[in-house]
């Protein structure tokens, strides 16, 4: 009986972790968006250093 409870807890934990992984994966920016953000930051840093 205790074994089934442990297996249930592990299954629940794994399900939560998988769900969180997919939620975070959907929010990941595209490489093009990352490049644009980096370019904007670098451009702003050059203006501030003058």
N, C-alpha and C. Protein backbone atom coordinates (compact mmCIF):
# COMPACT_ATOMS: atom_id res chain seq x y z
N UNK A 1 0.83 -1.20 0.00
CA UNK A 1 0.00 0.00 0.00
C UNK A 1 0.88 1.27 0.00
N UNK A 2 1.91 1.26 0.81
CA UNK A 2 2.82 2.41 0.87
C UNK A 2 3.52 2.60 -0.47
N UNK A 3 3.81 1.51 -1.14
CA UNK A 3 4.47 1.58 -2.43
C UNK A 3 3.59 2.31 -3.44
N UNK A 4 2.29 2.02 -3.44
CA UNK A 4 1.38 2.69 -4.36
C UNK A 4 1.29 4.20 -4.09
N UNK A 5 1.35 4.57 -2.83
CA UNK A 5 1.33 5.99 -2.48
C UNK A 5 2.59 6.66 -3.00
N UNK A 6 3.73 6.02 -2.82
CA UNK A 6 5.00 6.57 -3.32
C UNK A 6 4.99 6.70 -4.84
N UNK A 7 4.49 5.67 -5.51
CA UNK A 7 4.41 5.73 -6.97
C UNK A 7 3.47 6.85 -7.41
N UNK A 8 2.37 7.03 -6.71
CA UNK A 8 1.43 8.10 -7.02
C UNK A 8 2.06 9.47 -6.85
N UNK A 9 2.82 9.64 -5.78
CA UNK A 9 3.49 10.92 -5.54
C UNK A 9 4.53 11.20 -6.63
N UNK A 10 5.28 10.20 -7.01
CA UNK A 10 6.28 10.37 -8.08
C UNK A 10 5.59 10.71 -9.39
N UNK A 11 4.49 10.03 -9.70
CA UNK A 11 3.74 10.30 -10.93
C UNK A 11 3.20 11.73 -10.92
N UNK A 12 2.67 12.18 -9.79
CA UNK A 12 2.15 13.54 -9.67
C UNK A 12 3.28 14.57 -9.84
N UNK A 13 4.41 14.33 -9.20
CA UNK A 13 5.57 15.23 -9.31
C UNK A 13 6.05 15.31 -10.75
N UNK A 14 6.14 14.16 -11.42
CA UNK A 14 6.60 14.14 -12.82
C UNK A 14 5.61 14.87 -13.72
N UNK A 15 4.33 14.69 -13.49
CA UNK A 15 3.31 15.37 -14.29
C UNK A 15 3.40 16.88 -14.14
N UNK A 16 3.61 17.35 -12.94
CA UNK A 16 3.73 18.79 -12.70
C UNK A 16 4.97 19.34 -13.39
N UNK A 17 6.08 18.63 -13.27
CA UNK A 17 7.32 19.10 -13.90
C UNK A 17 7.19 19.15 -15.43
N UNK A 18 6.54 18.16 -16.03
CA UNK A 18 6.36 18.15 -17.48
C UNK A 18 5.45 19.30 -17.90
N UNK A 19 4.39 19.54 -17.14
CA UNK A 19 3.48 20.65 -17.47
C UNK A 19 4.21 21.99 -17.38
N UNK A 20 5.02 22.19 -16.36
CA UNK A 20 5.77 23.43 -16.23
C UNK A 20 6.78 23.60 -17.36
N UNK A 21 7.38 22.50 -17.79
CA UNK A 21 8.33 22.56 -18.90
C UNK A 21 7.64 23.07 -20.17
N UNK A 22 6.46 22.54 -20.48
CA UNK A 22 5.75 22.96 -21.68
C UNK A 22 5.26 24.39 -21.59
N UNK A 23 4.87 24.83 -20.41
CA UNK A 23 4.43 26.22 -20.24
C UNK A 23 5.60 27.17 -20.47
N UNK A 24 6.76 26.83 -19.93
CA UNK A 24 7.94 27.68 -20.11
C UNK A 24 8.44 27.64 -21.54
N UNK A 25 8.32 26.51 -22.20
CA UNK A 25 8.79 26.38 -23.58
C UNK A 25 7.97 27.27 -24.51
N UNK A 26 6.70 27.46 -24.22
CA UNK A 26 5.86 28.31 -25.06
C UNK A 26 6.25 29.77 -24.93
N UNK A 27 6.80 30.18 -23.78
CA UNK A 27 7.16 31.57 -23.56
C UNK A 27 8.57 31.90 -24.03
N UNK A 28 9.29 30.95 -24.57
CA UNK A 28 10.65 31.18 -25.01
C UNK A 28 10.63 32.06 -26.27
N UNK A 29 11.38 33.16 -26.26
CA UNK A 29 11.40 34.04 -27.44
C UNK A 29 12.10 33.38 -28.62
N UNK A 30 11.71 33.79 -29.79
CA UNK A 30 12.32 33.28 -31.01
C UNK A 30 13.74 33.85 -31.14
N UNK A 31 14.63 33.15 -31.86
CA UNK A 31 15.99 33.67 -32.05
C UNK A 31 16.01 35.06 -32.67
N UNK A 32 15.10 35.33 -33.58
CA UNK A 32 15.04 36.66 -34.20
C UNK A 32 14.72 37.73 -33.16
N UNK A 33 13.80 37.42 -32.24
CA UNK A 33 13.46 38.38 -31.18
C UNK A 33 14.65 38.62 -30.25
N UNK A 34 15.40 37.55 -29.96
CA UNK A 34 16.58 37.69 -29.11
C UNK A 34 17.63 38.58 -29.77
N UNK A 35 17.84 38.38 -31.07
CA UNK A 35 18.81 39.20 -31.79
C UNK A 35 18.39 40.66 -31.79
N UNK A 36 17.11 40.93 -32.00
CA UNK A 36 16.60 42.30 -32.02
C UNK A 36 16.78 42.95 -30.65
N UNK A 37 16.48 42.22 -29.59
CA UNK A 37 16.64 42.75 -28.24
C UNK A 37 18.11 43.05 -27.94
N UNK A 38 18.99 42.14 -28.32
CA UNK A 38 20.42 42.35 -28.09
C UNK A 38 20.91 43.56 -28.86
N UNK A 39 20.48 43.71 -30.10
CA UNK A 39 20.88 44.85 -30.93
C UNK A 39 20.41 46.16 -30.29
N UNK A 40 19.19 46.17 -29.79
CA UNK A 40 18.65 47.37 -29.14
C UNK A 40 19.46 47.73 -27.89
N UNK A 41 19.79 46.74 -27.10
CA UNK A 41 20.58 46.99 -25.87
C UNK A 41 21.96 47.52 -26.22
N UNK A 42 22.61 46.92 -27.22
CA UNK A 42 23.94 47.38 -27.61
C UNK A 42 23.91 48.79 -28.16
N UNK A 43 22.90 49.10 -28.95
CA UNK A 43 22.76 50.42 -29.51
C UNK A 43 22.56 51.46 -28.40
N UNK A 44 21.76 51.12 -27.42
CA UNK A 44 21.52 52.02 -26.30
C UNK A 44 22.79 52.20 -25.45
N UNK A 45 23.55 51.15 -25.29
CA UNK A 45 24.77 51.22 -24.50
C UNK A 45 25.80 52.13 -25.18
N UNK A 46 25.84 52.09 -26.50
CA UNK A 46 26.77 52.95 -27.23
C UNK A 46 26.39 54.41 -27.05
N UNK A 47 25.08 54.71 -27.07
CA UNK A 47 24.64 56.09 -26.87
C UNK A 47 24.98 56.59 -25.47
N UNK A 48 24.82 55.73 -24.47
CA UNK A 48 25.06 56.12 -23.08
C UNK A 48 26.56 56.31 -22.80
N UNK A 49 27.41 55.61 -23.54
CA UNK A 49 28.85 55.70 -23.26
C UNK A 49 29.49 56.95 -23.86
N UNK A 50 28.79 57.66 -24.69
CA UNK A 50 29.36 58.86 -25.31
C UNK A 50 29.39 60.02 -24.39
